[in-house]
């Protein structure tokens, strides 16, 4: 379906969902390293965090080693984000290497 070219869409927000193998570690990373706030958690199955007004959902699940390798080898990204000054808030071992 083609959108009407006279209509301009302004994307207000997106709520990506990531499948994670360790929901507690993922929540810690989001809250401690990225500065997000835990918004909701349902057992060890699902969590939602808020980062500067944007929600990110974490879903517990298994991703096979073969799928992880394929994604890394082919630079297949599920989502990308532009974050200002992210290196300043991350531990040195996670910072971008030049």
N, C-alpha and C. Protein backbone atom coordinates (compact mmCIF):
# COMPACT_ATOMS: atom_id res chain seq x y z
N UNK A 1 0.84 -1.16 0.00
CA UNK A 1 0.00 0.00 0.00
C UNK A 1 0.90 1.24 0.00
N UNK A 2 0.61 2.19 -0.84
CA UNK A 2 1.38 3.43 -0.92
C UNK A 2 0.66 4.52 -0.15
N UNK A 3 1.43 5.25 0.67
CA UNK A 3 0.83 6.34 1.43
C UNK A 3 0.55 7.54 0.53
N UNK A 4 -0.43 8.29 0.91
CA UNK A 4 -0.76 9.53 0.22
C UNK A 4 0.42 10.49 0.36
N UNK A 5 1.03 10.96 -0.74
CA UNK A 5 2.21 11.84 -0.65
C UNK A 5 1.90 13.19 -0.01
N UNK A 6 0.62 13.54 0.13
CA UNK A 6 0.26 14.81 0.77
C UNK A 6 0.27 14.70 2.29
N UNK A 7 0.32 13.49 2.79
CA UNK A 7 0.32 13.27 4.23
C UNK A 7 1.75 13.09 4.69
N UNK A 8 2.16 13.88 5.65
CA UNK A 8 3.49 13.77 6.22
C UNK A 8 3.35 13.07 7.57
N UNK A 9 4.04 11.97 7.73
CA UNK A 9 3.97 11.23 8.98
C UNK A 9 5.13 11.64 9.88
N UNK A 10 4.82 12.05 11.07
CA UNK A 10 5.83 12.36 12.07
C UNK A 10 5.81 11.25 13.10
N UNK A 11 6.82 10.43 13.07
CA UNK A 11 6.91 9.33 14.00
C UNK A 11 7.06 9.87 15.41
N UNK A 12 6.17 9.49 16.30
CA UNK A 12 6.17 9.99 17.67
C UNK A 12 7.03 9.14 18.58
N UNK A 13 6.93 7.83 18.48
CA UNK A 13 7.73 6.95 19.31
C UNK A 13 7.70 5.54 18.76
N UNK A 14 8.68 4.78 19.16
CA UNK A 14 8.77 3.36 18.83
C UNK A 14 9.02 2.61 20.12
N UNK A 15 8.53 1.39 20.20
CA UNK A 15 8.76 0.57 21.38
C UNK A 15 9.34 -0.77 20.93
N UNK A 16 10.65 -0.83 20.76
CA UNK A 16 11.25 -2.09 20.31
C UNK A 16 11.16 -3.15 21.39
N UNK A 17 11.13 -4.39 20.96
CA UNK A 17 11.15 -5.52 21.89
C UNK A 17 12.36 -6.38 21.56
N UNK A 18 13.17 -6.64 22.57
CA UNK A 18 14.35 -7.46 22.41
C UNK A 18 14.16 -8.79 23.13
N UNK A 19 14.51 -9.87 22.46
CA UNK A 19 14.53 -11.18 23.10
C UNK A 19 15.87 -11.31 23.81
N UNK A 20 15.82 -11.59 25.12
CA UNK A 20 17.04 -11.66 25.93
C UNK A 20 17.09 -12.99 26.66
N UNK A 21 18.29 -13.50 26.87
CA UNK A 21 18.44 -14.79 27.54
C UNK A 21 18.44 -14.65 29.06
N UNK A 22 18.79 -13.48 29.57
CA UNK A 22 18.82 -13.25 31.02
C UNK A 22 18.13 -11.91 31.29
N UNK A 23 16.88 -11.97 31.68
CA UNK A 23 16.10 -10.75 31.84
C UNK A 23 16.62 -9.88 32.97
N UNK A 24 17.09 -10.50 34.07
CA UNK A 24 17.61 -9.70 35.19
C UNK A 24 18.88 -8.96 34.80
N UNK A 25 19.78 -9.62 34.09
CA UNK A 25 21.02 -8.97 33.63
C UNK A 25 20.69 -7.86 32.62
N UNK A 26 19.70 -8.09 31.79
CA UNK A 26 19.30 -7.08 30.80
C UNK A 26 18.69 -5.86 31.48
N UNK A 27 17.89 -6.09 32.51
CA UNK A 27 17.33 -4.97 33.27
C UNK A 27 18.45 -4.19 33.93
N UNK A 28 19.42 -4.89 34.54
CA UNK A 28 20.55 -4.20 35.17
C UNK A 28 21.32 -3.37 34.16
N UNK A 29 21.57 -3.93 32.97
CA UNK A 29 22.29 -3.18 31.95
C UNK A 29 21.52 -1.91 31.57
N UNK A 30 20.22 -2.07 31.33
CA UNK A 30 19.42 -0.91 30.93
C UNK A 30 19.35 0.15 32.02
N UNK A 31 19.21 -0.28 33.27
CA UNK A 31 19.05 0.70 34.35
C UNK A 31 20.39 1.26 34.82
N UNK A 32 21.41 0.41 34.94
CA UNK A 32 22.68 0.87 35.48
C UNK A 32 23.60 1.48 34.41
N UNK A 33 23.73 0.85 33.27
CA UNK A 33 24.65 1.35 32.24
C UNK A 33 24.02 2.42 31.37
N UNK A 34 22.72 2.26 31.06
CA UNK A 34 22.07 3.20 30.16
C UNK A 34 21.26 4.28 30.88
N UNK A 35 21.00 4.08 32.17
CA UNK A 35 20.25 5.08 32.93
C UNK A 35 18.75 5.04 32.73
N UNK A 36 18.23 3.93 32.27
CA UNK A 36 16.78 3.78 32.10
C UNK A 36 16.12 3.48 33.45
N UNK A 37 14.81 3.56 33.47
CA UNK A 37 14.05 3.22 34.68
C UNK A 37 13.17 2.01 34.38
N UNK A 38 13.15 1.07 35.32
CA UNK A 38 12.27 -0.08 35.18
C UNK A 38 10.83 0.40 35.31
N UNK A 39 10.01 0.11 34.32
CA UNK A 39 8.63 0.55 34.31
C UNK A 39 7.69 -0.58 34.71
N UNK A 40 7.97 -1.78 34.22
CA UNK A 40 7.10 -2.92 34.51
C UNK A 40 7.92 -4.19 34.40
N UNK A 41 7.60 -5.16 35.24
CA UNK A 41 8.22 -6.48 35.11
C UNK A 41 7.18 -7.52 35.44
N UNK A 42 7.05 -8.52 34.59
CA UNK A 42 6.15 -9.63 34.83
C UNK A 42 6.99 -10.89 34.97
N UNK A 43 7.15 -11.30 36.21
CA UNK A 43 7.96 -12.47 36.55
C UNK A 43 9.31 -12.38 35.87
N UNK A 44 9.80 -13.50 35.33
CA UNK A 44 11.06 -13.47 34.59
C UNK A 44 10.80 -13.60 33.09
N UNK A 45 9.58 -13.18 32.67
CA UNK A 45 9.18 -13.34 31.28
C UNK A 45 9.26 -12.05 30.46
N UNK A 46 8.96 -10.92 31.09
CA UNK A 46 8.85 -9.68 30.34
C UNK A 46 9.17 -8.50 31.25
N UNK A 47 9.79 -7.48 30.67
CA UNK A 47 10.04 -6.24 31.40
C UNK A 47 9.97 -5.09 30.42
N UNK A 48 9.65 -3.94 30.95
CA UNK A 48 9.65 -2.72 30.16
C UNK A 48 10.46 -1.67 30.89
N UNK A 49 11.34 -1.00 30.17
CA UNK A 49 12.13 0.08 30.75
C UNK A 49 11.83 1.36 29.96
N UNK A 50 11.99 2.48 30.63
CA UNK A 50 11.79 3.78 30.02
C UNK A 50 13.12 4.51 29.97
N UNK A 51 13.49 4.99 28.78
CA UNK A 51 14.72 5.75 28.58
C UNK A 51 14.35 7.07 27.92
N UNK A 52 14.53 8.14 28.64
CA UNK A 52 14.20 9.49 28.16
C UNK A 52 12.86 9.53 27.42
N UNK A 53 11.86 8.91 28.05
CA UNK A 53 10.51 8.94 27.49
C UNK A 53 10.21 7.86 26.47
N UNK A 54 11.17 7.02 26.14
CA UNK A 54 10.97 5.95 25.16
C UNK A 54 10.96 4.61 25.88
N UNK A 55 10.06 3.73 25.48
CA UNK A 55 9.98 2.42 26.12
C UNK A 55 10.73 1.38 25.31
N UNK A 56 11.36 0.47 26.04
CA UNK A 56 12.04 -0.68 25.45
C UNK A 56 11.52 -1.90 26.19
N UNK A 57 11.09 -2.89 25.44
CA UNK A 57 10.55 -4.10 26.04
C UNK A 57 11.58 -5.22 25.94
N UNK A 58 11.70 -5.98 27.01
CA UNK A 58 12.62 -7.10 27.09
C UNK A 58 11.79 -8.36 27.27
N UNK A 59 11.97 -9.32 26.40
CA UNK A 59 11.21 -10.57 26.46
C UNK A 59 12.18 -11.72 26.64
N UNK A 60 11.94 -12.52 27.65
CA UNK A 60 12.80 -13.67 27.92
C UNK A 60 12.61 -14.72 26.84
N UNK A 61 13.72 -15.22 26.32
CA UNK A 61 13.65 -16.25 25.29
C UNK A 61 15.03 -16.74 24.91
N UNK A 62 15.05 -17.77 24.13
CA UNK A 62 16.32 -18.35 23.69
C UNK A 62 16.56 -18.02 22.22
N UNK A 63 17.76 -17.56 21.95
CA UNK A 63 18.19 -17.36 20.58
C UNK A 63 19.38 -18.32 20.39
N UNK A 64 19.29 -19.15 19.38
CA UNK A 64 20.33 -20.17 19.19
C UNK A 64 21.68 -19.52 18.90
N UNK A 65 22.74 -20.25 19.23
CA UNK A 65 24.09 -19.77 18.94
C UNK A 65 24.30 -19.56 17.45
N UNK A 66 23.69 -20.42 16.64
CA UNK A 66 23.81 -20.28 15.18
C UNK A 66 23.18 -18.97 14.71
N UNK A 67 22.02 -18.63 15.27
CA UNK A 67 21.36 -17.38 14.88
C UNK A 67 22.16 -16.17 15.34
N UNK A 68 22.71 -16.23 16.56
CA UNK A 68 23.55 -15.14 17.05
C UNK A 68 24.78 -14.94 16.16
N UNK A 69 25.42 -16.07 15.79
CA UNK A 69 26.60 -15.99 14.93
C UNK A 69 26.25 -15.41 13.57
N UNK A 70 25.13 -15.85 13.00
CA UNK A 70 24.70 -15.33 11.71
C UNK A 70 24.50 -13.81 11.78
N UNK A 71 23.83 -13.36 12.82
CA UNK A 71 23.57 -11.91 12.96
C UNK A 71 24.87 -11.13 13.11
N UNK A 72 25.80 -11.65 13.92
CA UNK A 72 27.08 -10.95 14.10
C UNK A 72 27.89 -10.93 12.81
N UNK A 73 28.00 -12.10 12.18
CA UNK A 73 28.81 -12.21 10.97
C UNK A 73 28.28 -11.35 9.82
N UNK A 74 26.98 -11.18 9.76
CA UNK A 74 26.37 -10.44 8.66
C UNK A 74 25.91 -9.04 9.06
N UNK A 75 26.32 -8.61 10.24
CA UNK A 75 25.94 -7.30 10.77
C UNK A 75 24.43 -7.09 10.65
N UNK A 76 23.68 -8.13 10.96
CA UNK A 76 22.23 -8.09 10.92
C UNK A 76 21.73 -7.55 12.26
N UNK A 77 21.25 -6.32 12.25
CA UNK A 77 20.80 -5.67 13.47
C UNK A 77 19.29 -5.67 13.53
N UNK A 78 18.75 -5.95 14.71
CA UNK A 78 17.30 -5.89 14.89
C UNK A 78 16.84 -4.44 15.03
N UNK A 79 17.61 -3.64 15.73
CA UNK A 79 17.29 -2.23 15.96
C UNK A 79 18.58 -1.46 16.11
N UNK A 80 18.54 -0.22 15.71
CA UNK A 80 19.67 0.66 15.98
C UNK A 80 19.13 1.95 16.59
N UNK A 81 19.94 2.57 17.42
CA UNK A 81 19.55 3.80 18.08
C UNK A 81 20.69 4.79 17.98
N UNK A 82 20.36 6.03 17.85
CA UNK A 82 21.35 7.09 17.95
C UNK A 82 21.28 7.66 19.36
N UNK A 83 22.38 7.61 20.07
CA UNK A 83 22.41 8.07 21.46
C UNK A 83 23.57 9.05 21.60
N UNK A 84 23.27 10.23 22.09
CA UNK A 84 24.31 11.24 22.27
C UNK A 84 25.19 10.90 23.46
N UNK A 85 26.48 11.03 23.31
CA UNK A 85 27.46 10.88 24.39
C UNK A 85 27.34 9.56 25.15
N UNK A 86 27.02 8.48 24.46
CA UNK A 86 26.85 7.20 25.15
C UNK A 86 28.15 6.71 25.77
N UNK A 87 29.29 6.99 25.12
CA UNK A 87 30.56 6.52 25.66
C UNK A 87 30.85 7.07 27.05
N UNK A 88 30.36 8.27 27.33
CA UNK A 88 30.64 8.90 28.62
C UNK A 88 30.03 8.12 29.78
N UNK A 89 28.89 7.47 29.56
CA UNK A 89 28.21 6.77 30.65
C UNK A 89 28.50 5.30 30.75
N UNK A 90 29.22 4.75 29.79
CA UNK A 90 29.48 3.30 29.80
C UNK A 90 30.80 2.97 30.47
N UNK A 91 30.86 1.78 31.08
CA UNK A 91 32.16 1.31 31.59
C UNK A 91 33.17 1.23 30.45
N UNK A 92 34.44 1.37 30.75
CA UNK A 92 35.47 1.45 29.71
C UNK A 92 35.50 0.21 28.81
N UNK A 93 35.17 -0.96 29.33
CA UNK A 93 35.22 -2.17 28.50
C UNK A 93 34.07 -2.23 27.50
N UNK A 94 33.05 -1.37 27.64
CA UNK A 94 31.95 -1.37 26.69
C UNK A 94 32.00 -0.19 25.73
N UNK A 95 32.96 0.70 25.91
CA UNK A 95 33.04 1.88 25.07
C UNK A 95 33.49 1.55 23.66
N UNK A 96 33.11 2.40 22.74
CA UNK A 96 33.49 2.24 21.34
C UNK A 96 35.02 2.31 21.22
N UNK A 97 35.54 1.39 20.47
CA UNK A 97 37.00 1.37 20.26
C UNK A 97 37.31 2.02 18.93
N UNK A 98 38.21 2.98 18.91
CA UNK A 98 38.59 3.66 17.68
C UNK A 98 39.73 2.94 16.99
